[in-house]
Each structure stands twice: as C-alpha cells, then as structure tokens.
C-alpha cells in the first residue's frame, strides 16, 4: 500500500466539463485535489469524511466504493513540498506532501475512495 488515510472535504469546485467537479481534501499528512464525475460519485458536502487509498493491489482497492486504475504522470519538488500527479484516465489527482510518496512516473496504481 502506498497511501491510506481519512481526509476531509475543504472545498468543492465545479469544472467546465459538464457534471465534473474537483474536491480539495486535507488529510493527516497530505493535501489532495481529486477530479470526479457526478455520475460516478455524487458530490459530497463540505466537511464530509472520505477514506482514500492508493495501492498497487487491485483486490484491496475493490473494497472501496470507487476503485479506479490510473498512472502516475509526474512527481516533482517545489521548495519543501513534493507534488505527485496521477491520471485516472483523464481525471486528475494532485497530491502535495512534505515527504515523497513511493511513486514514480508511469507507475500503475489503483485509487480507491469511500465517502462516509
């Protein structure tokens, strides 16, 4: 498992793509932005709790409400912040943390989430 935490929704932004929105989440060790489609996951409310898991194990991911596979697009460091971008077949997940995650560009991952 690469990452597993419970996160809180801080902000919801409607995107220009119809029925698509971006969640801004704060977790224990990272901040995260996740793009989702309303037909797949109905829009949660501000302050909702979301369990997020990034893993290389498909079976572990399938335990979550949503399980999507994708690829790490880039990893970079800006000052003291590490930034990892994951593409879930076009929808993006951007993770910002103070330490580098065990992910490299072109790694295949599974991204799971459950809205509580």
PDB file of N, CA and C in Angstrom:
ATOM      1  N   UNK A   1       0.841  -1.174   0.000  1.00  0.00           N
ATOM      2  CA  UNK A   1       0.000   0.000   0.000  1.00  0.00           C
ATOM      3  C   UNK A   1       0.891   1.244   0.000  1.00  0.00           C
ATOM      4  N   UNK A   2       0.544   2.201  -0.829  1.00  0.00           N
ATOM      5  CA  UNK A   2       1.323   3.419  -0.959  1.00  0.00           C
ATOM      6  C   UNK A   2       0.797   4.495  -0.019  1.00  0.00           C
ATOM      7  N   UNK A   3      -0.538   4.619   0.065  1.00  0.00           N
ATOM      8  CA  UNK A   3      -1.146   5.693   0.849  1.00  0.00           C
ATOM      9  C   UNK A   3      -2.533   5.265   1.287  1.00  0.00           C
ATOM     10  N   UNK A   4      -2.874   5.506   2.539  1.00  0.00           N
ATOM     11  CA  UNK A   4      -4.219   5.238   3.032  1.00  0.00           C
ATOM     12  C   UNK A   4      -4.499   6.160   4.207  1.00  0.00           C
ATOM     13  N   UNK A   5      -5.483   7.041   4.047  1.00  0.00           N
ATOM     14  CA  UNK A   5      -5.833   7.981   5.108  1.00  0.00           C
ATOM     15  C   UNK A   5      -7.292   8.384   4.985  1.00  0.00           C
ATOM     16  N   UNK A   6      -7.798   8.915   6.081  1.00  0.00           N
ATOM     17  CA  UNK A   6      -9.112   9.535   6.089  1.00  0.00           C
ATOM     18  C   UNK A   6      -8.909  11.027   5.869  1.00  0.00           C
ATOM     19  N   UNK A   7      -9.667  11.601   4.946  1.00  0.00           N
ATOM     20  CA  UNK A   7      -9.490  13.001   4.568  1.00  0.00           C
ATOM     21  C   UNK A   7     -10.807  13.753   4.768  1.00  0.00           C
ATOM     22  N   UNK A   8     -10.719  15.081   4.772  1.00  0.00           N
ATOM     23  CA  UNK A   8     -11.882  15.940   4.940  1.00  0.00           C
ATOM     24  C   UNK A   8     -12.012  16.851   3.736  1.00  0.00           C
ATOM     25  N   UNK A   9     -13.255  17.014   3.242  1.00  0.00           N
ATOM     26  CA  UNK A   9     -13.516  17.888   2.102  1.00  0.00           C
ATOM     27  C   UNK A   9     -13.495  19.337   2.588  1.00  0.00           C
ATOM     28  N   UNK A  10     -12.590  20.147   2.014  1.00  0.00           N
ATOM     29  CA  UNK A  10     -12.495  21.562   2.368  1.00  0.00           C
ATOM     30  C   UNK A  10     -13.211  22.462   1.370  1.00  0.00           C
ATOM     31  N   UNK A  11     -13.215  22.040   0.101  1.00  0.00           N
ATOM     32  CA  UNK A  11     -13.787  22.884  -0.952  1.00  0.00           C
ATOM     33  C   UNK A  11     -14.231  22.006  -2.106  1.00  0.00           C
ATOM     34  N   UNK A  12     -15.285  22.458  -2.806  1.00  0.00           N
ATOM     35  CA  UNK A  12     -15.775  21.761  -3.999  1.00  0.00           C
ATOM     36  C   UNK A  12     -15.855  22.789  -5.123  1.00  0.00           C
ATOM     37  N   UNK A  13     -15.194  22.502  -6.242  1.00  0.00           N
ATOM     38  CA  UNK A  13     -15.209  23.403  -7.392  1.00  0.00           C
ATOM     39  C   UNK A  13     -15.871  22.707  -8.571  1.00  0.00           C
ATOM     40  N   UNK A  14     -16.827  23.374  -9.211  1.00  0.00           N
ATOM     41  CA  UNK A  14     -17.408  22.864 -10.453  1.00  0.00           C
ATOM     42  C   UNK A  14     -16.419  23.137 -11.566  1.00  0.00           C
ATOM     43  N   UNK A  15     -16.186  22.158 -12.423  1.00  0.00           N
ATOM     44  CA  UNK A  15     -15.277  22.315 -13.546  1.00  0.00           C
ATOM     45  C   UNK A  15     -16.072  22.634 -14.812  1.00  0.00           C
ATOM     46  N   UNK A  16     -15.383  23.055 -15.855  1.00  0.00           N
ATOM     47  CA  UNK A  16     -16.051  23.379 -17.113  1.00  0.00           C
ATOM     48  C   UNK A  16     -16.609  22.151 -17.808  1.00  0.00           C
ATOM     49  N   UNK A  17     -16.003  21.008 -17.583  1.00  0.00           N
ATOM     50  CA  UNK A  17     -16.516  19.759 -18.149  1.00  0.00           C
ATOM     51  C   UNK A  17     -17.852  19.461 -17.457  1.00  0.00           C
ATOM     52  N   UNK A  18     -18.919  19.229 -18.212  1.00  0.00           N
ATOM     53  CA  UNK A  18     -20.228  19.016 -17.594  1.00  0.00           C
ATOM     54  C   UNK A  18     -20.211  17.880 -16.555  1.00  0.00           C
ATOM     55  N   UNK A  19     -20.874  18.125 -15.443  1.00  0.00           N
ATOM     56  CA  UNK A  19     -21.055  17.143 -14.363  1.00  0.00           C
ATOM     57  C   UNK A  19     -19.747  16.688 -13.726  1.00  0.00           C
ATOM     58  N   UNK A  20     -18.712  17.483 -13.819  1.00  0.00           N
ATOM     59  CA  UNK A  20     -17.419  17.126 -13.248  1.00  0.00           C
ATOM     60  C   UNK A  20     -17.039  18.175 -12.209  1.00  0.00           C
ATOM     61  N   UNK A  21     -16.482  17.717 -11.103  1.00  0.00           N
ATOM     62  CA  UNK A  21     -16.109  18.627 -10.025  1.00  0.00           C
ATOM     63  C   UNK A  21     -14.760  18.222  -9.442  1.00  0.00           C
ATOM     64  N   UNK A  22     -14.158  19.169  -8.708  1.00  0.00           N
ATOM     65  CA  UNK A  22     -12.868  18.942  -8.053  1.00  0.00           C
ATOM     66  C   UNK A  22     -13.065  19.074  -6.550  1.00  0.00           C
ATOM     67  N   UNK A  23     -12.619  18.063  -5.821  1.00  0.00           N
ATOM     68  CA  UNK A  23     -12.631  18.107  -4.360  1.00  0.00           C
ATOM     69  C   UNK A  23     -11.260  18.534  -3.874  1.00  0.00           C
ATOM     70  N   UNK A  24     -11.214  19.454  -2.937  1.00  0.00           N
ATOM     71  CA  UNK A  24      -9.965  19.794  -2.261  1.00  0.00           C
ATOM     72  C   UNK A  24     -10.049  19.171  -0.882  1.00  0.00           C
ATOM     73  N   UNK A  25      -9.110  18.255  -0.615  1.00  0.00           N
ATOM     74  CA  UNK A  25      -9.126  17.467   0.614  1.00  0.00           C
ATOM     75  C   UNK A  25      -7.916  17.779   1.472  1.00  0.00           C
ATOM     76  N   UNK A  26      -8.118  17.719   2.768  1.00  0.00           N
ATOM     77  CA  UNK A  26      -6.977  17.769   3.689  1.00  0.00           C
ATOM     78  C   UNK A  26      -6.967  16.445   4.435  1.00  0.00           C
ATOM     79  N   UNK A  27      -5.805  15.837   4.458  1.00  0.00           N
ATOM     80  CA  UNK A  27      -5.609  14.553   5.123  1.00  0.00           C
ATOM     81  C   UNK A  27      -4.598  14.765   6.251  1.00  0.00           C
ATOM     82  N   UNK A  28      -4.264  13.721   6.967  1.00  0.00           N
ATOM     83  CA  UNK A  28      -3.313  13.855   8.076  1.00  0.00           C
ATOM     84  C   UNK A  28      -1.942  14.314   7.608  1.00  0.00           C
ATOM     85  N   UNK A  29      -1.427  13.723   6.528  1.00  0.00           N
ATOM     86  CA  UNK A  29      -0.054  14.008   6.107  1.00  0.00           C
ATOM     87  C   UNK A  29       0.057  14.703   4.755  1.00  0.00           C
ATOM     88  N   UNK A  30      -1.057  14.841   4.014  1.00  0.00           N
ATOM     89  CA  UNK A  30      -1.016  15.436   2.680  1.00  0.00           C
ATOM     90  C   UNK A  30      -2.242  16.311   2.446  1.00  0.00           C
ATOM     91  N   UNK A  31      -2.164  17.147   1.404  1.00  0.00           N
ATOM     92  CA  UNK A  31      -3.353  17.796   0.859  1.00  0.00           C
ATOM     93  C   UNK A  31      -3.540  17.224  -0.541  1.00  0.00           C
ATOM     94  N   UNK A  32      -4.788  17.178  -0.991  1.00  0.00           N
ATOM     95  CA  UNK A  32      -5.076  16.466  -2.226  1.00  0.00           C
ATOM     96  C   UNK A  32      -6.207  17.163  -2.973  1.00  0.00           C
ATOM     97  N   UNK A  33      -6.111  17.151  -4.296  1.00  0.00           N
ATOM     98  CA  UNK A  33      -7.194  17.597  -5.159  1.00  0.00           C
ATOM     99  C   UNK A  33      -7.579  16.419  -6.051  1.00  0.00           C
ATOM    100  N   UNK A  34      -8.877  16.120  -6.096  1.00  0.00           N
ATOM    101  CA  UNK A  34      -9.367  14.953  -6.830  1.00  0.00           C
ATOM    102  C   UNK A  34     -10.496  15.397  -7.755  1.00  0.00           C
ATOM    103  N   UNK A  35     -10.382  15.089  -9.046  1.00  0.00           N
ATOM    104  CA  UNK A  35     -11.444  15.368 -10.004  1.00  0.00           C
ATOM    105  C   UNK A  35     -12.322  14.129 -10.144  1.00  0.00           C
ATOM    106  N   UNK A  36     -13.638  14.329 -10.055  1.00  0.00           N
ATOM    107  CA  UNK A  36     -14.594  13.225 -10.147  1.00  0.00           C
ATOM    108  C   UNK A  36     -15.782  13.630 -11.002  1.00  0.00           C
ATOM    109  N   UNK A  37     -16.520  12.637 -11.496  1.00  0.00           N
ATOM    110  CA  UNK A  37     -17.720  12.871 -12.290  1.00  0.00           C
ATOM    111  C   UNK A  37     -18.935  12.534 -11.442  1.00  0.00           C
ATOM    112  N   UNK A  38     -19.976  13.371 -11.514  1.00  0.00           N
ATOM    113  CA  UNK A  38     -21.171  13.192 -10.685  1.00  0.00           C
ATOM    114  C   UNK A  38     -21.886  11.867 -10.934  1.00  0.00           C
ATOM    115  N   UNK A  39     -21.782  11.319 -12.146  1.00  0.00           N
ATOM    116  CA  UNK A  39     -22.440  10.039 -12.433  1.00  0.00           C
ATOM    117  C   UNK A  39     -21.739   8.873 -11.749  1.00  0.00           C
ATOM    118  N   UNK A  40     -20.493   9.066 -11.340  1.00  0.00           N
ATOM    119  CA  UNK A  40     -19.733   8.006 -10.685  1.00  0.00           C
ATOM    120  C   UNK A  40     -19.803   8.147  -9.164  1.00  0.00           C
ATOM    121  N   UNK A  41     -19.542   9.348  -8.659  1.00  0.00           N
ATOM    122  CA  UNK A  41     -19.614   9.634  -7.226  1.00  0.00           C
ATOM    123  C   UNK A  41     -20.400  10.920  -7.058  1.00  0.00           C
ATOM    124  N   UNK A  42     -21.587  10.832  -6.413  1.00  0.00           N
ATOM    125  CA  UNK A  42     -22.362  12.049  -6.213  1.00  0.00           C
ATOM    126  C   UNK A  42     -21.581  13.004  -5.325  1.00  0.00           C
ATOM    127  N   UNK A  43     -21.763  14.283  -5.582  1.00  0.00           N
ATOM    128  CA  UNK A  43     -20.973  15.307  -4.921  1.00  0.00           C
ATOM    129  C   UNK A  43     -21.180  15.284  -3.403  1.00  0.00           C
ATOM    130  N   UNK A  44     -20.108  15.094  -2.633  1.00  0.00           N
ATOM    131  CA  UNK A  44     -20.242  15.108  -1.175  1.00  0.00           C
ATOM    132  C   UNK A  44     -20.402  16.541  -0.668  1.00  0.00           C
ATOM    133  N   UNK A  45     -20.625  16.694   0.604  1.00  0.00           N
ATOM    134  CA  UNK A  45     -20.761  18.028   1.189  1.00  0.00           C
ATOM    135  C   UNK A  45     -19.424  18.472   1.790  1.00  0.00           C
ATOM    136  N   UNK A  46     -19.302  19.769   2.029  1.00  0.00           N
ATOM    137  CA  UNK A  46     -18.126  20.309   2.705  1.00  0.00           C
ATOM    138  C   UNK A  46     -18.054  19.666   4.091  1.00  0.00           C
ATOM    139  N   UNK A  47     -16.884  19.361   4.550  1.00  0.00           N
ATOM    140  CA  UNK A  47     -16.595  18.720   5.852  1.00  0.00           C
ATOM    141  C   UNK A  47     -16.880  17.223   5.865  1.00  0.00           C
ATOM    142  N   UNK A  48     -17.291  16.651   4.722  1.00  0.00           N
ATOM    143  CA  UNK A  48     -17.517  15.200   4.670  1.00  0.00           C
ATOM    144  C   UNK A  48     -16.183  14.483   4.845  1.00  0.00           C
ATOM    145  N   UNK A  49     -16.251  13.295   5.396  1.00  0.00           N
ATOM    146  CA  UNK A  49     -15.062  12.467   5.582  1.00  0.00           C
ATOM    147  C   UNK A  49     -14.964  11.477   4.422  1.00  0.00           C
ATOM    148  N   UNK A  50     -13.772  11.348   3.867  1.00  0.00           N
ATOM    149  CA  UNK A  50     -13.554  10.451   2.734  1.00  0.00           C
ATOM    150  C   UNK A  50     -12.328   9.597   3.016  1.00  0.00           C
ATOM    151  N   UNK A  51     -12.476   8.280   2.901  1.00  0.00           N
ATOM    152  CA  UNK A  51     -11.330   7.381   3.015  1.00  0.00           C
ATOM    153  C   UNK A  51     -10.695   7.257   1.636  1.00  0.00           C
ATOM    154  N   UNK A  52      -9.398   7.541   1.560  1.00  0.00           N
ATOM    155  CA  UNK A  52      -8.669   7.488   0.288  1.00  0.00           C
ATOM    156  C   UNK A  52      -7.562   6.451   0.411  1.00  0.00           C
ATOM    157  N   UNK A  53      -7.417   5.641  -0.626  1.00  0.00           N
ATOM    158  CA  UNK A  53      -6.348   4.648  -0.648  1.00  0.00           C
ATOM    159  C   UNK A  53      -5.713   4.609  -2.028  1.00  0.00           C
ATOM    160  N   UNK A  54      -4.391   4.652  -2.062  1.00  0.00           N
ATOM    161  CA  UNK A  54      -3.634   4.479  -3.295  1.00  0.00           C
ATOM    162  C   UNK A  54      -2.789   3.234  -3.095  1.00  0.00           C
ATOM    163  N   UNK A  55      -2.957   2.268  -3.982  1.00  0.00           N
ATOM    164  CA  UNK A  55      -2.313   0.976  -3.803  1.00  0.00           C
ATOM    165  C   UNK A  55      -1.938   0.376  -5.147  1.00  0.00           C
ATOM    166  N   UNK A  56      -1.116  -0.624  -5.108  1.00  0.00           N
ATOM    167  CA  UNK A  56      -0.794  -1.399  -6.315  1.00  0.00           C
ATOM    168  C   UNK A  56      -1.594  -2.711  -6.337  1.00  0.00           C
ATOM    169  N   UNK A  57      -2.405  -2.922  -5.299  1.00  0.00           N
ATOM    170  CA  UNK A  57      -3.181  -4.147  -5.127  1.00  0.00           C
ATOM    171  C   UNK A  57      -4.644  -3.913  -5.525  1.00  0.00           C
ATOM    172  N   UNK A  58      -5.049  -4.462  -6.656  1.00  0.00           N
ATOM    173  CA  UNK A  58      -6.405  -4.265  -7.165  1.00  0.00           C
ATOM    174  C   UNK A  58      -7.461  -4.778  -6.189  1.00  0.00           C
ATOM    175  N   UNK A  59      -7.230  -5.923  -5.583  1.00  0.00           N
ATOM    176  CA  UNK A  59      -8.214  -6.510  -4.661  1.00  0.00           C
ATOM    177  C   UNK A  59      -8.452  -5.604  -3.452  1.00  0.00           C
ATOM    178  N   UNK A  60      -7.402  -4.984  -2.941  1.00  0.00           N
ATOM    179  CA  UNK A  60      -7.534  -4.062  -1.810  1.00  0.00           C
ATOM    180  C   UNK A  60      -8.355  -2.845  -2.216  1.00  0.00           C
ATOM    181  N   UNK A  61      -8.123  -2.356  -3.421  1.00  0.00           N
ATOM    182  CA  UNK A  61      -8.848  -1.194  -3.930  1.00  0.00           C
ATOM    183  C   UNK A  61     -10.336  -1.503  -4.107  1.00  0.00           C
ATOM    184  N   UNK A  62     -10.662  -2.702  -4.537  1.00  0.00           N
ATOM    185  CA  UNK A  62     -12.053  -3.067  -4.790  1.00  0.00           C
ATOM    186  C   UNK A  62     -12.912  -3.074  -3.522  1.00  0.00           C
ATOM    187  N   UNK A  63     -12.301  -2.973  -2.357  1.00  0.00           N
ATOM    188  CA  UNK A  63     -13.044  -2.877  -1.099  1.00  0.00           C
ATOM    189  C   UNK A  63     -13.665  -1.487  -0.916  1.00  0.00           C
ATOM    190  N   UNK A  64     -13.225  -0.507  -1.691  1.00  0.00           N
ATOM    191  CA  UNK A  64     -13.730   0.856  -1.592  1.00  0.00           C
ATOM    192  C   UNK A  64     -14.949   1.045  -2.491  1.00  0.00           C
ATOM    193  N   UNK A  65     -15.715   2.120  -2.254  1.00  0.00           N
ATOM    194  CA  UNK A  65     -16.895   2.424  -3.063  1.00  0.00           C
ATOM    195  C   UNK A  65     -16.498   2.655  -4.519  1.00  0.00           C
ATOM    196  N   UNK A  66     -15.446   3.450  -4.718  1.00  0.00           N
ATOM    197  CA  UNK A  66     -14.919   3.706  -6.059  1.00  0.00           C
ATOM    198  C   UNK A  66     -13.516   3.150  -6.135  1.00  0.00           C
ATOM    199  N   UNK A  67     -13.228   2.405  -7.190  1.00  0.00           N
ATOM    200  CA  UNK A  67     -11.878   1.917  -7.437  1.00  0.00           C
ATOM    201  C   UNK A  67     -11.569   2.211  -8.904  1.00  0.00           C
ATOM    202  N   UNK A  68     -10.541   3.023  -9.118  1.00  0.00           N
ATOM    203  CA  UNK A  68     -10.150   3.387 -10.485  1.00  0.00           C
ATOM    204  C   UNK A  68      -8.669   3.118 -10.649  1.00  0.00           C
ATOM    205  N   UNK A  69      -8.290   2.625 -11.829  1.00  0.00           N
ATOM    206  CA  UNK A  69      -6.858   2.470 -12.057  1.00  0.00           C
ATOM    207  C   UNK A  69      -6.354   3.665 -12.851  1.00  0.00           C
ATOM    208  N   UNK A  70      -5.093   3.964 -12.670  1.00  0.00           N
ATOM    209  CA  UNK A  70      -4.505   5.095 -13.355  1.00  0.00           C
ATOM    210  C   UNK A  70      -2.995   5.007 -13.320  1.00  0.00           C
ATOM    211  N   UNK A  71      -2.356   6.079 -13.765  1.00  0.00           N
ATOM    212  CA  UNK A  71      -0.900   6.117 -13.850  1.00  0.00           C
ATOM    213  C   UNK A  71      -0.370   7.404 -13.236  1.00  0.00           C
ATOM    214  N   UNK A  72       0.789   7.295 -12.623  1.00  0.00           N
ATOM    215  CA  UNK A  72       1.472   8.478 -12.123  1.00  0.00           C
ATOM    216  C   UNK A  72       2.003   9.238 -13.331  1.00  0.00           C
ATOM    217  N   UNK A  73       1.617  10.502 -13.450  1.00  0.00           N
ATOM    218  CA  UNK A  73       2.037  11.334 -14.574  1.00  0.00           C
ATOM    219  C   UNK A  73       3.354  12.024 -14.252  1.00  0.00           C
ATOM    220  N   UNK A  74       3.467  12.571 -13.045  1.00  0.00           N
ATOM    221  CA  UNK A  74       4.694  13.273 -12.691  1.00  0.00           C
ATOM    222  C   UNK A  74       4.878  13.326 -11.181  1.00  0.00           C
ATOM    223  N   UNK A  75       6.129  13.469 -10.799  1.00  0.00           N
ATOM    224  CA  UNK A  75       6.494  13.740  -9.408  1.00  0.00           C
ATOM    225  C   UNK A  75       7.499  14.890  -9.456  1.00  0.00           C
ATOM    226  N   UNK A  76       7.327  15.846  -8.568  1.00  0.00           N
ATOM    227  CA  UNK A  76       8.238  16.983  -8.558  1.00  0.00           C
ATOM    228  C   UNK A  76       8.365  17.530  -7.139  1.00  0.00           C
ATOM    229  N   UNK A  77       9.331  18.371  -6.974  1.00  0.00           N
ATOM    230  CA  UNK A  77       9.550  19.015  -5.686  1.00  0.00           C
ATOM    231  C   UNK A  77       9.669  20.512  -5.920  1.00  0.00           C
ATOM    232  N   UNK A  78       8.860  21.277  -5.196  1.00  0.00           N
ATOM    233  CA  UNK A  78       8.903  22.731  -5.262  1.00  0.00           C
ATOM    234  C   UNK A  78       9.135  23.221  -3.831  1.00  0.00           C
ATOM    235  N   UNK A  79      10.332  23.697  -3.562  1.00  0.00           N
ATOM    236  CA  UNK A  79      10.678  24.095  -2.200  1.00  0.00           C
ATOM    237  C   UNK A  79      10.664  22.879  -1.296  1.00  0.00           C
ATOM    238  N   UNK A  80       9.881  22.937  -0.239  1.00  0.00           N
ATOM    239  CA  UNK A  80       9.765  21.831   0.706  1.00  0.00           C
ATOM    240  C   UNK A  80       8.569  20.930   0.426  1.00  0.00           C
ATOM    241  N   UNK A  81       7.877  21.146  -0.691  1.00  0.00           N
ATOM    242  CA  UNK A  81       6.659  20.402  -1.000  1.00  0.00           C
ATOM    243  C   UNK A  81       6.879  19.450  -2.168  1.00  0.00           C
ATOM    244  N   UNK A  82       6.511  18.188  -1.958  1.00  0.00           N
ATOM    245  CA  UNK A  82       6.539  17.185  -3.029  1.00  0.00           C
ATOM    246  C   UNK A  82       5.152  17.145  -3.664  1.00  0.00           C
ATOM    247  N   UNK A  83       5.116  17.092  -4.993  1.00  0.00           N
ATOM    248  CA  UNK A  83       3.853  17.098  -5.733  1.00  0.00           C
ATOM    249  C   UNK A  83       3.815  15.875  -6.636  1.00  0.00           C
ATOM    250  N   UNK A  84       2.750  15.100  -6.518  1.00  0.00           N
ATOM    251  CA  UNK A  84       2.552  13.912  -7.339  1.00  0.00           C
ATOM    252  C   UNK A  84       1.242  14.076  -8.102  1.00  0.00           C
ATOM    253  N   UNK A  85       1.280  13.868  -9.415  1.00  0.00           N
ATOM    254  CA  UNK A  85       0.082  13.967 -10.249  1.00  0.00           C
ATOM    255  C   UNK A  85      -0.233  12.581 -10.798  1.00  0.00           C
ATOM    256  N   UNK A  86      -1.480  12.162 -10.592  1.00  0.00           N
ATOM    257  CA  UNK A  86      -1.962  10.866 -11.063  1.00  0.00           C
ATOM    258  C   UNK A  86      -3.106  11.116 -12.030  1.00  0.00           C
ATOM    259  N   UNK A  87      -3.120  10.409 -13.152  1.00  0.00           N
ATOM    260  CA  UNK A  87      -4.219  10.486 -14.105  1.00  0.00           C
ATOM    261  C   UNK A  87      -5.061   9.222 -13.994  1.00  0.00           C
ATOM    262  N   UNK A  88      -6.350   9.426 -13.728  1.00  0.00           N
ATOM    263  CA  UNK A  88      -7.308   8.316 -13.723  1.00  0.00           C
ATOM    264  C   UNK A  88      -8.046   8.374 -15.061  1.00  0.00           C
ATOM    265  N   UNK A  89      -7.328   8.083 -16.130  1.00  0.00           N
ATOM    266  CA  UNK A  89      -7.850   8.128 -17.498  1.00  0.00           C
ATOM    267  C   UNK A  89      -8.439   9.494 -17.822  1.00  0.00           C
ATOM    268  N   UNK A  90      -7.730  10.546 -17.438  1.00  0.00           N
ATOM    269  CA  UNK A  90      -8.138  11.912 -17.759  1.00  0.00           C
ATOM    270  C   UNK A  90      -8.507  12.736 -16.543  1.00  0.00           C
ATOM    271  N   UNK A  91      -9.115  12.126 -15.552  1.00  0.00           N
ATOM    272  CA  UNK A  91      -9.398  12.837 -14.315  1.00  0.00           C
ATOM    273  C   UNK A  91      -8.130  12.843 -13.477  1.00  0.00           C
ATOM    274  N   UNK A  92      -7.800  13.988 -12.890  1.00  0.00           N
ATOM    275  CA  UNK A  92      -6.522  14.124 -12.204  1.00  0.00           C
ATOM    276  C   UNK A  92      -6.650  14.069 -10.688  1.00  0.00           C
ATOM    277  N   UNK A  93      -5.612  13.542 -10.069  1.00  0.00           N
ATOM    278  CA  UNK A  93      -5.435  13.563  -8.625  1.00  0.00           C
ATOM    279  C   UNK A  93      -4.078  14.228  -8.395  1.00  0.00           C
ATOM    280  N   UNK A  94      -4.068  15.304  -7.617  1.00  0.00           N
ATOM    281  CA  UNK A  94      -2.822  16.009  -7.303  1.00  0.00           C
ATOM    282  C   UNK A  94      -2.601  15.911  -5.801  1.00  0.00           C
ATOM    283  N   UNK A  95      -1.451  15.373  -5.418  1.00  0.00           N
ATOM    284  CA  UNK A  95      -1.122  15.170  -4.002  1.00  0.00           C
ATOM    285  C   UNK A  95       0.073  16.045  -3.657  1.00  0.00           C
ATOM    286  N   UNK A  96      -0.062  16.810  -2.590  1.00  0.00           N
ATOM    287  CA  UNK A  96       1.041  17.644  -2.098  1.00  0.00           C
ATOM    288  C   UNK A  96       1.380  17.185  -0.690  1.00  0.00           C
ATOM    289  N   UNK A  97       2.682  16.924  -0.472  1.00  0.00           N
ATOM    290  CA  UNK A  97       3.101  16.411   0.831  1.00  0.00           C
ATOM    291  C   UNK A  97       4.482  16.938   1.198  1.00  0.00           C
ATOM    292  N   UNK A  98       4.829  16.770   2.466  1.00  0.00           N
ATOM    293  CA  UNK A  98       6.149  17.221   2.921  1.00  0.00           C
ATOM    294  C   UNK A  98       7.216  16.156   2.706  1.00  0.00           C
ATOM    295  N   UNK A  99       6.793  14.929   2.402  1.00  0.00           N
ATOM    296  CA  UNK A  99       7.745  13.860   2.092  1.00  0.00           C
ATOM    297  C   UNK A  99       7.300  13.159   0.814  1.00  0.00           C
ATOM    298  N   UNK A 100       8.240  12.593   0.104  1.00  0.00           N
ATOM    299  CA  UNK A 100       7.939  11.971  -1.177  1.00  0.00           C
ATOM    300  C   UNK A 100       7.229  10.631  -0.971  1.00  0.00           C
ATOM    301  N   UNK A 101       6.149  10.419  -1.729  1.00  0.00           N
ATOM    302  CA  UNK A 101       5.448   9.140  -1.706  1.00  0.00           C
ATOM    303  C   UNK A 101       6.238   8.129  -2.531  1.00  0.00           C
ATOM    304  N   UNK A 102       5.991   6.862  -2.315  1.00  0.00           N
ATOM    305  CA  UNK A 102       6.689   5.794  -3.035  1.00  0.00           C
ATOM    306  C   UNK A 102       6.057   5.598  -4.413  1.00  0.00           C
ATOM    307  N   UNK A 103       6.092   6.642  -5.228  1.00  0.00           N
ATOM    308  CA  UNK A 103       5.511   6.612  -6.566  1.00  0.00           C
ATOM    309  C   UNK A 103       6.481   7.239  -7.555  1.00  0.00           C
ATOM    310  N   UNK A 104       6.540   6.666  -8.753  1.00  0.00           N
ATOM    311  CA  UNK A 104       7.402   7.157  -9.822  1.00  0.00           C
ATOM    312  C   UNK A 104       6.558   7.323 -11.086  1.00  0.00           C
ATOM    313  N   UNK A 105       6.960   8.237 -11.983  1.00  0.00           N
ATOM    314  CA  UNK A 105       6.209   8.395 -13.238  1.00  0.00           C
ATOM    315  C   UNK A 105       6.028   7.066 -13.966  1.00  0.00           C
ATOM    316  N   UNK A 106       4.834   6.868 -14.479  1.00  0.00           N
ATOM    317  CA  UNK A 106       4.375   5.687 -15.215  1.00  0.00           C
ATOM    318  C   UNK A 106       4.091   4.476 -14.327  1.00  0.00           C
ATOM    319  N   UNK A 107       4.139   4.626 -13.000  1.00  0.00           N
ATOM    320  CA  UNK A 107       3.675   3.552 -12.116  1.00  0.00           C
ATOM    321  C   UNK A 107       2.173   3.378 -12.301  1.00  0.00           C
ATOM    322  N   UNK A 108       1.721   2.134 -12.451  1.00  0.00           N
ATOM    323  CA  UNK A 108       0.288   1.848 -12.497  1.00  0.00           C
ATOM    324  C   UNK A 108      -0.193   1.717 -11.059  1.00  0.00           C
ATOM    325  N   UNK A 109      -1.263   2.440 -10.719  1.00  0.00           N
ATOM    326  CA  UNK A 109      -1.790   2.387  -9.356  1.00  0.00           C
ATOM    327  C   UNK A 109      -3.307   2.184  -9.405  1.00  0.00           C
ATOM    328  N   UNK A 110      -3.866   1.875  -8.248  1.00  0.00           N
ATOM    329  CA  UNK A 110      -5.312   1.820  -8.066  1.00  0.00           C
ATOM    330  C   UNK A 110      -5.670   2.873  -7.026  1.00  0.00           C
ATOM    331  N   UNK A 111      -6.676   3.678  -7.338  1.00  0.00           N
ATOM    332  CA  UNK A 111      -7.109   4.761  -6.468  1.00  0.00           C
ATOM    333  C   UNK A 111      -8.503   4.427  -5.967  1.00  0.00           C
ATOM    334  N   UNK A 112      -8.631   4.251  -4.669  1.00  0.00           N
ATOM    335  CA  UNK A 112      -9.934   3.916  -4.093  1.00  0.00           C
ATOM    336  C   UNK A 112     -10.404   4.991  -3.141  1.00  0.00           C
ATOM    337  N   UNK A 113     -11.723   5.209  -3.125  1.00  0.00           N
ATOM    338  CA  UNK A 113     -12.267   6.146  -2.145  1.00  0.00           C
ATOM    339  C   UNK A 113     -13.659   5.725  -1.726  1.00  0.00           C
ATOM    340  N   UNK A 114     -13.989   6.070  -0.493  1.00  0.00           N
ATOM    341  CA  UNK A 114     -15.307   5.848   0.067  1.00  0.00           C
ATOM    342  C   UNK A 114     -15.716   7.112   0.801  1.00  0.00           C
ATOM    343  N   UNK A 115     -16.885   7.676   0.425  1.00  0.00           N
ATOM    344  CA  UNK A 115     -17.418   8.852   1.114  1.00  0.00           C
ATOM    345  C   UNK A 115     -18.206   8.349   2.303  1.00  0.00           C
ATOM    346  N   UNK A 116     -17.896   8.871   3.470  1.00  0.00           N
ATOM    347  CA  UNK A 116     -18.628   8.445   4.684  1.00  0.00           C
ATOM    348  C   UNK A 116     -19.817   9.334   4.941  1.00  0.00           C
TER     349      UNK A 116
END
